[in-house]
Structures are given as C-alpha cells and as structure tokens.
Amino acid sequence: SFYVGDNFIRLIPFKDHMNIEAQAITKHANELAGYKISPKGMLQLYLKQEVPAEVLKKIFAETLLGVEYKEEIFMEYRKATGEEAQLVCDIVQGTKAKIYPHYYTQAVVDFFGRLHSIDNIKKDIDEGRIDVLVAGGKIVGTGSRTDNHITRVYVLPEYEGQGFGTVIMNHLEDEIFAEYDYCELDASLPAACFYEHRGYKTVEHRKHDIGDGEVMVYEIMRKER
C-alpha cells in the first residue's frame, strides 16, 4: 500500500492477476476497455496483459494527490517578436473584455483597451519590453517591464488558474531583483489579490480621470527583495 495523507493505492497480488485499488479507477473506466474492474472498483490486471501505464499515471496521481493529472508540457519564456504583436494584443484585449467589465465601467474598460493598443504593443516589442510564455507550442501569456516596473501581465482566460501567471511573474521578478531592490507595479482591481499573495504591498491608492466624469481606480504595489 502507498499513502499520501489519507489517500492511498493498494496492490493485491494473486496467482494469475493483481488487483489495484485506487479511488480514481472508476473515473477512468472508459479508458480501461478490455480490462476487468471488480464490483468494488478494483482494476484486475492479469498475467500477459499489457500494463495501461499512461492511464495508471493519471489514476495514481489523482488518487494520491487529489488533483487532476496533467501531462508535463514544455514551457519557454522569451522576448516577444514583432510578428507576435497581434497575438500579444489579442491576449491582453481578450482578457480585458472578459474580466474587467465585472470591476469597471465600460468607459474605463475602453480606456484600458486604448492603453494597450496594437501600436503601443508594437512599440514596446521593438524596445524589448514585452515577453511571452509559450506552453505546448502556444503563446498563453505575456508580461512586460520597464526597469523595475512590471506591466501588462496577462494570461489567456482559458489558461487561468494553471500557474502560468506565476511563471511569468517569477521570471519578471528574477530579472528585476538581479538589478534592483524592489519591484513595483500598477495593479488593477481584479489583479490586486494575486499580487498580494505574492508578497506585494499597496504603497499608494490612485485615481486617474479619463474624462466625462469617469475615474479609473488602481493600486501602486511594491515587493522588496
């Protein structure tokens, strides 16, 4: 038997087969066609049967760790190229359109859109300020910095919650702390909690008048080395 906390898998040998007891087996029953599963949900693996190694990886990880198994994917963090400007713009604008309306008025959302226009993104790429995170051959996120000031950290909405934002921030902070004593950033309302969990502290509350009586509110946050 193998335990991680209260979670366990159990291998029970018999003369002509082995029973494998693991909570996640029934979840993957459709991937085990041709194998017997006992009424108690144990996988029965007989002699000369091929071991379903890839399925067992998922079953063991999900049973012991309590999380969905994901294949390891190759990630690359690098400078964005001019040909990738539109992809970067799409990530920023798509995230803004999906998330920001829950926190800001439409006028403020539109202001953010103009702030991160394709022309501004092309200019920042030309000046070497924008990076991209590539995972599984696809650009899934982006981050920028000017000196020790972090800007424009976005991850495609469908890839949020998978640790990609953390990877981007780790790279940006490592670069900055190699030269400076602290990182600083402007945090939008939906992002402030994420940065707080990374050790950033608000040093100033700011309001920016965007015209027609509309005000954009954000935080200036800082993290010491």
C-alpha atoms as a PDB file:
ATOM      1  CA  SER A   1       0.000   0.000   0.000  1.00  0.00           C
ATOM      2  CA  PHE A   2       1.076   3.562  -0.710  1.00  0.00           C
ATOM      3  CA  TYR A   3      -0.269   6.540   1.249  1.00  0.00           C
ATOM      4  CA  VAL A   4      -0.256  10.311   0.884  1.00  0.00           C
ATOM      5  CA  GLY A   5      -2.135  11.571   3.908  1.00  0.00           C
ATOM      6  CA  ASP A   6      -5.449   9.726   3.961  1.00  0.00           C
ATOM      7  CA  ASN A   7      -5.266   8.885   0.255  1.00  0.00           C
ATOM      8  CA  PHE A   8      -3.933   5.510  -0.779  1.00  0.00           C
ATOM      9  CA  ILE A   9      -3.470   2.963  -3.532  1.00  0.00           C
ATOM     10  CA  ARG A  10      -3.240  -0.743  -2.806  1.00  0.00           C
ATOM     11  CA  LEU A  11      -1.718  -3.535  -4.920  1.00  0.00           C
ATOM     12  CA  ILE A  12      -3.082  -7.004  -4.080  1.00  0.00           C
ATOM     13  CA  PRO A  13      -1.272  -9.885  -5.836  1.00  0.00           C
ATOM     14  CA  PHE A  14      -2.943 -13.179  -6.788  1.00  0.00           C
ATOM     15  CA  LYS A  15      -1.649 -16.221  -8.646  1.00  0.00           C
ATOM     16  CA  ASP A  16      -2.811 -15.108 -12.101  1.00  0.00           C
ATOM     17  CA  HIS A  17      -3.573 -11.417 -11.664  1.00  0.00           C
ATOM     18  CA  MET A  18      -3.198  -8.351  -9.474  1.00  0.00           C
ATOM     19  CA  ASN A  19      -5.961  -6.200  -8.033  1.00  0.00           C
ATOM     20  CA  ILE A  20      -5.270  -2.482  -7.956  1.00  0.00           C
ATOM     21  CA  GLU A  21      -7.339  -0.430  -5.541  1.00  0.00           C
ATOM     22  CA  ALA A  22      -7.399   3.314  -6.157  1.00  0.00           C
ATOM     23  CA  GLN A  23     -10.215   5.805  -5.798  1.00  0.00           C
ATOM     24  CA  ALA A  24      -9.824   7.273  -9.292  1.00  0.00           C
ATOM     25  CA  ILE A  25     -10.162   3.969 -11.179  1.00  0.00           C
ATOM     26  CA  THR A  26     -13.899   4.271 -11.793  1.00  0.00           C
ATOM     27  CA  LYS A  27     -13.408   7.795 -13.119  1.00  0.00           C
ATOM     28  CA  HIS A  28     -11.196   6.396 -15.877  1.00  0.00           C
ATOM     29  CA  ALA A  29     -13.180   3.224 -16.550  1.00  0.00           C
ATOM     30  CA  ASN A  30     -13.836   4.236 -20.153  1.00  0.00           C
ATOM     31  CA  GLU A  31     -10.064   4.320 -20.761  1.00  0.00           C
ATOM     32  CA  LEU A  32      -9.709   0.763 -19.451  1.00  0.00           C
ATOM     33  CA  ALA A  33     -11.739  -1.068 -22.076  1.00  0.00           C
ATOM     34  CA  GLY A  34     -10.539  -4.686 -22.221  1.00  0.00           C
ATOM     35  CA  TYR A  35      -9.612  -4.737 -18.537  1.00  0.00           C
ATOM     36  CA  LYS A  36     -11.774  -6.089 -15.742  1.00  0.00           C
ATOM     37  CA  ILE A  37     -12.951  -3.857 -12.940  1.00  0.00           C
ATOM     38  CA  SER A  38     -14.366  -5.639  -9.902  1.00  0.00           C
ATOM     39  CA  PRO A  39     -17.719  -4.712  -8.305  1.00  0.00           C
ATOM     40  CA  LYS A  40     -15.688  -2.907  -5.618  1.00  0.00           C
ATOM     41  CA  GLY A  41     -13.991  -0.771  -8.273  1.00  0.00           C
ATOM     42  CA  MET A  42     -10.645  -2.551  -8.301  1.00  0.00           C
ATOM     43  CA  LEU A  43      -8.725  -2.903 -11.543  1.00  0.00           C
ATOM     44  CA  GLN A  44      -7.840  -6.559 -12.212  1.00  0.00           C
ATOM     45  CA  LEU A  45      -4.630  -6.816 -14.207  1.00  0.00           C
ATOM     46  CA  TYR A  46      -3.944 -10.358 -15.477  1.00  0.00           C
ATOM     47  CA  LEU A  47      -0.686 -12.014 -16.495  1.00  0.00           C
ATOM     48  CA  LYS A  48       0.369 -11.278 -20.078  1.00  0.00           C
ATOM     49  CA  GLN A  49      -1.965  -8.274 -20.219  1.00  0.00           C
ATOM     50  CA  GLU A  50      -0.320  -5.064 -21.283  1.00  0.00           C
ATOM     51  CA  VAL A  51       0.038  -2.649 -18.374  1.00  0.00           C
ATOM     52  CA  PRO A  52      -2.034   0.513 -19.098  1.00  0.00           C
ATOM     53  CA  ALA A  53       0.807   2.713 -17.891  1.00  0.00           C
ATOM     54  CA  GLU A  54      -0.478   6.101 -19.083  1.00  0.00           C
ATOM     55  CA  VAL A  55      -3.913   5.560 -17.549  1.00  0.00           C
ATOM     56  CA  LEU A  56      -2.382   4.341 -14.302  1.00  0.00           C
ATOM     57  CA  LYS A  57      -0.267   7.507 -14.141  1.00  0.00           C
ATOM     58  CA  LYS A  58      -3.468   9.536 -14.118  1.00  0.00           C
ATOM     59  CA  ILE A  59      -5.200   7.227 -11.633  1.00  0.00           C
ATOM     60  CA  PHE A  60      -2.296   7.191  -9.167  1.00  0.00           C
ATOM     61  CA  ALA A  61      -1.712  10.956  -9.339  1.00  0.00           C
ATOM     62  CA  GLU A  62      -5.378  11.812  -8.920  1.00  0.00           C
ATOM     63  CA  THR A  63      -5.875   9.276  -6.112  1.00  0.00           C
ATOM     64  CA  LEU A  64      -2.796  10.167  -4.077  1.00  0.00           C
ATOM     65  CA  LEU A  65      -2.577  13.902  -4.740  1.00  0.00           C
ATOM     66  CA  GLY A  66      -6.272  14.684  -5.145  1.00  0.00           C
ATOM     67  CA  VAL A  67      -5.674  16.746  -8.295  1.00  0.00           C
ATOM     68  CA  GLU A  68      -6.373  16.141 -11.953  1.00  0.00           C
ATOM     69  CA  TYR A  69      -3.388  14.655 -13.731  1.00  0.00           C
ATOM     70  CA  LYS A  70      -1.901  16.803 -16.468  1.00  0.00           C
ATOM     71  CA  GLU A  71       0.791  15.831 -18.912  1.00  0.00           C
ATOM     72  CA  GLU A  72       4.026  17.723 -18.422  1.00  0.00           C
ATOM     73  CA  ILE A  73       4.311  20.371 -21.095  1.00  0.00           C
ATOM     74  CA  PHE A  74       7.330  22.241 -22.383  1.00  0.00           C
ATOM     75  CA  MET A  75       7.339  25.926 -21.441  1.00  0.00           C
ATOM     76  CA  GLU A  76       9.507  28.698 -22.808  1.00  0.00           C
ATOM     77  CA  TYR A  77       9.674  32.276 -21.543  1.00  0.00           C
ATOM     78  CA  ARG A  78      11.264  34.643 -24.047  1.00  0.00           C
ATOM     79  CA  LYS A  79      11.155  38.051 -25.712  1.00  0.00           C
ATOM     80  CA  ALA A  80       8.190  38.680 -28.000  1.00  0.00           C
ATOM     81  CA  THR A  81       8.903  39.211 -31.687  1.00  0.00           C
ATOM     82  CA  GLY A  82       7.340  41.779 -33.977  1.00  0.00           C
ATOM     83  CA  GLU A  83       5.381  39.029 -35.739  1.00  0.00           C
ATOM     84  CA  GLU A  84       3.745  38.159 -32.402  1.00  0.00           C
ATOM     85  CA  ALA A  85       2.408  41.653 -31.675  1.00  0.00           C
ATOM     86  CA  GLN A  86      -1.145  40.770 -32.700  1.00  0.00           C
ATOM     87  CA  LEU A  87      -1.104  37.602 -30.573  1.00  0.00           C
ATOM     88  CA  VAL A  88       0.026  39.620 -27.557  1.00  0.00           C
ATOM     89  CA  CYS A  89      -2.646  42.213 -28.273  1.00  0.00           C
ATOM     90  CA  ASP A  90      -5.317  39.505 -28.531  1.00  0.00           C
ATOM     91  CA  ILE A  91      -4.319  38.064 -25.142  1.00  0.00           C
ATOM     92  CA  VAL A  92      -4.490  41.473 -23.477  1.00  0.00           C
ATOM     93  CA  GLN A  93      -7.703  42.606 -25.163  1.00  0.00           C
ATOM     94  CA  GLY A  94      -9.437  39.232 -24.739  1.00  0.00           C
ATOM     95  CA  THR A  95      -8.680  39.092 -21.026  1.00  0.00           C
ATOM     96  CA  LYS A  96      -9.736  42.701 -20.567  1.00  0.00           C
ATOM     97  CA  ALA A  97     -13.039  42.142 -22.370  1.00  0.00           C
ATOM     98  CA  LYS A  98     -13.905  39.069 -20.303  1.00  0.00           C
ATOM     99  CA  ILE A  99     -12.831  40.125 -16.807  1.00  0.00           C
ATOM    100  CA  TYR A 100     -12.687  43.902 -16.499  1.00  0.00           C
ATOM    101  CA  PRO A 101     -16.421  44.632 -17.030  1.00  0.00           C
ATOM    102  CA  HIS A 102     -17.059  42.900 -13.693  1.00  0.00           C
ATOM    103  CA  TYR A 103     -14.944  45.563 -11.952  1.00  0.00           C
ATOM    104  CA  TYR A 104     -15.025  48.737 -14.079  1.00  0.00           C
ATOM    105  CA  THR A 105     -17.455  50.796 -16.118  1.00  0.00           C
ATOM    106  CA  GLN A 106     -17.397  50.352 -19.891  1.00  0.00           C
ATOM    107  CA  ALA A 107     -15.665  53.703 -20.310  1.00  0.00           C
ATOM    108  CA  VAL A 108     -12.783  52.516 -18.117  1.00  0.00           C
ATOM    109  CA  VAL A 109     -12.642  49.165 -19.943  1.00  0.00           C
ATOM    110  CA  ASP A 110     -12.381  51.038 -23.242  1.00  0.00           C
ATOM    111  CA  PHE A 111      -9.611  53.206 -21.795  1.00  0.00           C
ATOM    112  CA  PHE A 112      -7.637  50.079 -20.896  1.00  0.00           C
ATOM    113  CA  GLY A 113      -8.130  48.917 -24.473  1.00  0.00           C
ATOM    114  CA  ARG A 114      -6.638  52.111 -25.867  1.00  0.00           C
ATOM    115  CA  LEU A 115      -3.780  51.972 -23.374  1.00  0.00           C
ATOM    116  CA  HIS A 116      -2.814  48.519 -24.676  1.00  0.00           C
ATOM    117  CA  SER A 117      -3.439  49.193 -28.347  1.00  0.00           C
ATOM    118  CA  ILE A 118      -1.643  47.271 -31.056  1.00  0.00           C
ATOM    119  CA  ASP A 119       0.509  50.331 -31.811  1.00  0.00           C
ATOM    120  CA  ASN A 120       1.644  50.603 -28.169  1.00  0.00           C
ATOM    121  CA  ILE A 121       2.356  46.871 -28.057  1.00  0.00           C
ATOM    122  CA  LYS A 122       4.403  47.004 -31.268  1.00  0.00           C
ATOM    123  CA  LYS A 123       6.402  49.917 -29.839  1.00  0.00           C
ATOM    124  CA  ASP A 124       7.127  48.042 -26.602  1.00  0.00           C
ATOM    125  CA  ILE A 125       8.148  44.901 -28.503  1.00  0.00           C
ATOM    126  CA  ASP A 126      10.554  46.966 -30.618  1.00  0.00           C
ATOM    127  CA  GLU A 127      12.063  48.337 -27.400  1.00  0.00           C
ATOM    128  CA  GLY A 128      12.456  44.833 -25.917  1.00  0.00           C
ATOM    129  CA  ARG A 129       9.975  45.306 -23.094  1.00  0.00           C
ATOM    130  CA  ILE A 130       7.493  42.514 -23.799  1.00  0.00           C
ATOM    131  CA  ASP A 131       7.953  38.809 -23.063  1.00  0.00           C
ATOM    132  CA  VAL A 132       5.729  35.858 -23.887  1.00  0.00           C
ATOM    133  CA  LEU A 133       5.160  32.495 -22.211  1.00  0.00           C
ATOM    134  CA  VAL A 134       4.884  29.604 -24.648  1.00  0.00           C
ATOM    135  CA  ALA A 135       3.345  26.349 -23.356  1.00  0.00           C
ATOM    136  CA  GLY A 136       2.856  23.328 -25.551  1.00  0.00           C
ATOM    137  CA  GLY A 137       3.804  25.387 -28.587  1.00  0.00           C
ATOM    138  CA  LYS A 138       1.183  28.084 -27.941  1.00  0.00           C
ATOM    139  CA  ILE A 139       1.586  31.594 -26.535  1.00  0.00           C
ATOM    140  CA  VAL A 140      -0.604  31.524 -23.416  1.00  0.00           C
ATOM    141  CA  GLY A 141       0.509  34.653 -21.592  1.00  0.00           C
ATOM    142  CA  THR A 142       2.590  37.799 -21.649  1.00  0.00           C
ATOM    143  CA  GLY A 143       4.428  40.107 -19.274  1.00  0.00           C
ATOM    144  CA  SER A 144       6.364  43.357 -19.615  1.00  0.00           C
ATOM    145  CA  ARG A 145       8.690  45.528 -17.621  1.00  0.00           C
ATOM    146  CA  THR A 146      10.412  48.867 -17.836  1.00  0.00           C
ATOM    147  CA  ASP A 147      13.365  48.869 -15.459  1.00  0.00           C
ATOM    148  CA  ASN A 148      11.862  47.631 -12.158  1.00  0.00           C
ATOM    149  CA  HIS A 149       8.259  48.425 -13.096  1.00  0.00           C
ATOM    150  CA  ILE A 150       6.130  45.426 -14.136  1.00  0.00           C
ATOM    151  CA  THR A 151       3.297  45.990 -16.575  1.00  0.00           C
ATOM    152  CA  ARG A 152       0.881  44.144 -18.838  1.00  0.00           C
ATOM    153  CA  VAL A 153       0.808  40.715 -17.187  1.00  0.00           C
ATOM    154  CA  TYR A 154      -1.992  38.726 -18.807  1.00  0.00           C
ATOM    155  CA  VAL A 155      -2.858  35.068 -19.357  1.00  0.00           C
ATOM    156  CA  LEU A 156      -5.458  33.771 -21.805  1.00  0.00           C
ATOM    157  CA  PRO A 157      -8.708  33.321 -19.831  1.00  0.00           C
ATOM    158  CA  GLU A 158      -8.944  29.616 -20.720  1.00  0.00           C
ATOM    159  CA  TYR A 159      -5.473  29.065 -19.229  1.00  0.00           C
ATOM    160  CA  GLU A 160      -6.018  30.954 -15.963  1.00  0.00           C
ATOM    161  CA  GLY A 161      -5.666  29.052 -12.707  1.00  0.00           C
ATOM    162  CA  GLN A 162      -2.992  26.733 -14.110  1.00  0.00           C
ATOM    163  CA  GLY A 163       0.069  28.539 -12.746  1.00  0.00           C
ATOM    164  CA  PHE A 164       1.054  30.390 -15.919  1.00  0.00           C
ATOM    165  CA  GLY A 165       0.703  33.818 -14.314  1.00  0.00           C
ATOM    166  CA  THR A 166       3.025  32.652 -11.539  1.00  0.00           C
ATOM    167  CA  VAL A 167       5.622  31.528 -14.088  1.00  0.00           C
ATOM    168  CA  ILE A 168       5.520  34.930 -15.802  1.00  0.00           C
ATOM    169  CA  MET A 169       5.860  36.810 -12.520  1.00  0.00           C
ATOM    170  CA  ASN A 170       8.724  34.585 -11.350  1.00  0.00           C
ATOM    171  CA  HIS A 171      10.709  35.436 -14.477  1.00  0.00           C
ATOM    172  CA  LEU A 172       9.992  39.155 -14.262  1.00  0.00           C
ATOM    173  CA  GLU A 173      10.899  39.329 -10.581  1.00  0.00           C
ATOM    174  CA  ASP A 174      14.112  37.345 -11.066  1.00  0.00           C
ATOM    175  CA  GLU A 175      15.211  39.783 -13.782  1.00  0.00           C
ATOM    176  CA  ILE A 176      14.369  42.829 -11.671  1.00  0.00           C
ATOM    177  CA  PHE A 177      15.891  41.594  -8.410  1.00  0.00           C
ATOM    178  CA  ALA A 178      19.162  40.967 -10.234  1.00  0.00           C
ATOM    179  CA  GLU A 179      19.399  44.758 -10.685  1.00  0.00           C
ATOM    180  CA  TYR A 180      17.052  46.457  -8.198  1.00  0.00           C
ATOM    181  CA  ASP A 181      15.994  46.236  -4.555  1.00  0.00           C
ATOM    182  CA  TYR A 182      12.257  46.155  -5.274  1.00  0.00           C
ATOM    183  CA  CYS A 183       9.611  45.528  -7.936  1.00  0.00           C
ATOM    184  CA  GLU A 184       6.755  47.938  -8.498  1.00  0.00           C
ATOM    185  CA  LEU A 185       3.538  47.629 -10.498  1.00  0.00           C
ATOM    186  CA  ASP A 186       0.143  49.187 -11.120  1.00  0.00           C
ATOM    187  CA  ALA A 187      -2.478  46.659 -10.008  1.00  0.00           C
ATOM    188  CA  SER A 188      -5.966  46.663 -11.472  1.00  0.00           C
ATOM    189  CA  LEU A 189      -8.830  45.734  -9.148  1.00  0.00           C
ATOM    190  CA  PRO A 190      -9.103  42.100 -10.347  1.00  0.00           C
ATOM    191  CA  ALA A 191      -5.334  41.534 -10.064  1.00  0.00           C
ATOM    192  CA  ALA A 192      -4.609  43.073  -6.644  1.00  0.00           C
ATOM    193  CA  CYS A 193      -5.294  39.883  -4.656  1.00  0.00           C
ATOM    194  CA  PHE A 194      -2.984  37.859  -6.894  1.00  0.00           C
ATOM    195  CA  TYR A 195      -0.151  40.281  -6.254  1.00  0.00           C
ATOM    196  CA  GLU A 196      -0.851  40.414  -2.512  1.00  0.00           C
ATOM    197  CA  HIS A 197      -0.438  36.633  -2.355  1.00  0.00           C
ATOM    198  CA  ARG A 198       2.980  37.085  -3.972  1.00  0.00           C
ATOM    199  CA  GLY A 199       4.079  39.459  -1.215  1.00  0.00           C
ATOM    200  CA  TYR A 200       3.259  42.812  -2.807  1.00  0.00           C
ATOM    201  CA  LYS A 201       2.008  45.601  -0.570  1.00  0.00           C
ATOM    202  CA  THR A 202      -0.025  48.623  -1.580  1.00  0.00           C
ATOM    203  CA  VAL A 203       2.015  51.810  -1.237  1.00  0.00           C
ATOM    204  CA  GLU A 204      -0.475  54.176  -2.850  1.00  0.00           C
ATOM    205  CA  HIS A 205      -4.123  54.252  -3.983  1.00  0.00           C
ATOM    206  CA  ARG A 206      -4.515  56.123  -7.233  1.00  0.00           C
ATOM    207  CA  LYS A 207      -7.337  57.587  -9.288  1.00  0.00           C
ATOM    208  CA  HIS A 208      -6.980  58.579 -12.919  1.00  0.00           C
ATOM    209  CA  ASP A 209      -9.514  60.893 -14.510  1.00  0.00           C
ATOM    210  CA  ILE A 210     -10.225  59.547 -18.001  1.00  0.00           C
ATOM    211  CA  GLY A 211     -12.772  62.254 -18.833  1.00  0.00           C
ATOM    212  CA  ASP A 212     -16.563  62.632 -18.879  1.00  0.00           C
ATOM    213  CA  GLY A 213     -16.699  62.120 -15.124  1.00  0.00           C
ATOM    214  CA  GLU A 214     -15.194  58.635 -15.316  1.00  0.00           C
ATOM    215  CA  VAL A 215     -12.388  57.634 -12.939  1.00  0.00           C
ATOM    216  CA  MET A 216     -10.072  54.641 -13.107  1.00  0.00           C
ATOM    217  CA  VAL A 217      -9.024  53.321  -9.687  1.00  0.00           C
ATOM    218  CA  TYR A 218      -5.910  51.188  -9.194  1.00  0.00           C
ATOM    219  CA  GLU A 219      -3.185  50.340  -6.690  1.00  0.00           C
ATOM    220  CA  ILE A 220       0.543  51.052  -6.740  1.00  0.00           C
ATOM    221  CA  MET A 221       2.099  47.931  -5.196  1.00  0.00           C
ATOM    222  CA  ARG A 222       5.667  47.097  -4.278  1.00  0.00           C
ATOM    223  CA  LYS A 223       7.643  43.991  -3.345  1.00  0.00           C
ATOM    224  CA  GLU A 224      11.027  44.182  -1.652  1.00  0.00           C
ATOM    225  CA  ARG A 225      13.846  41.816  -2.493  1.00  0.00           C
END
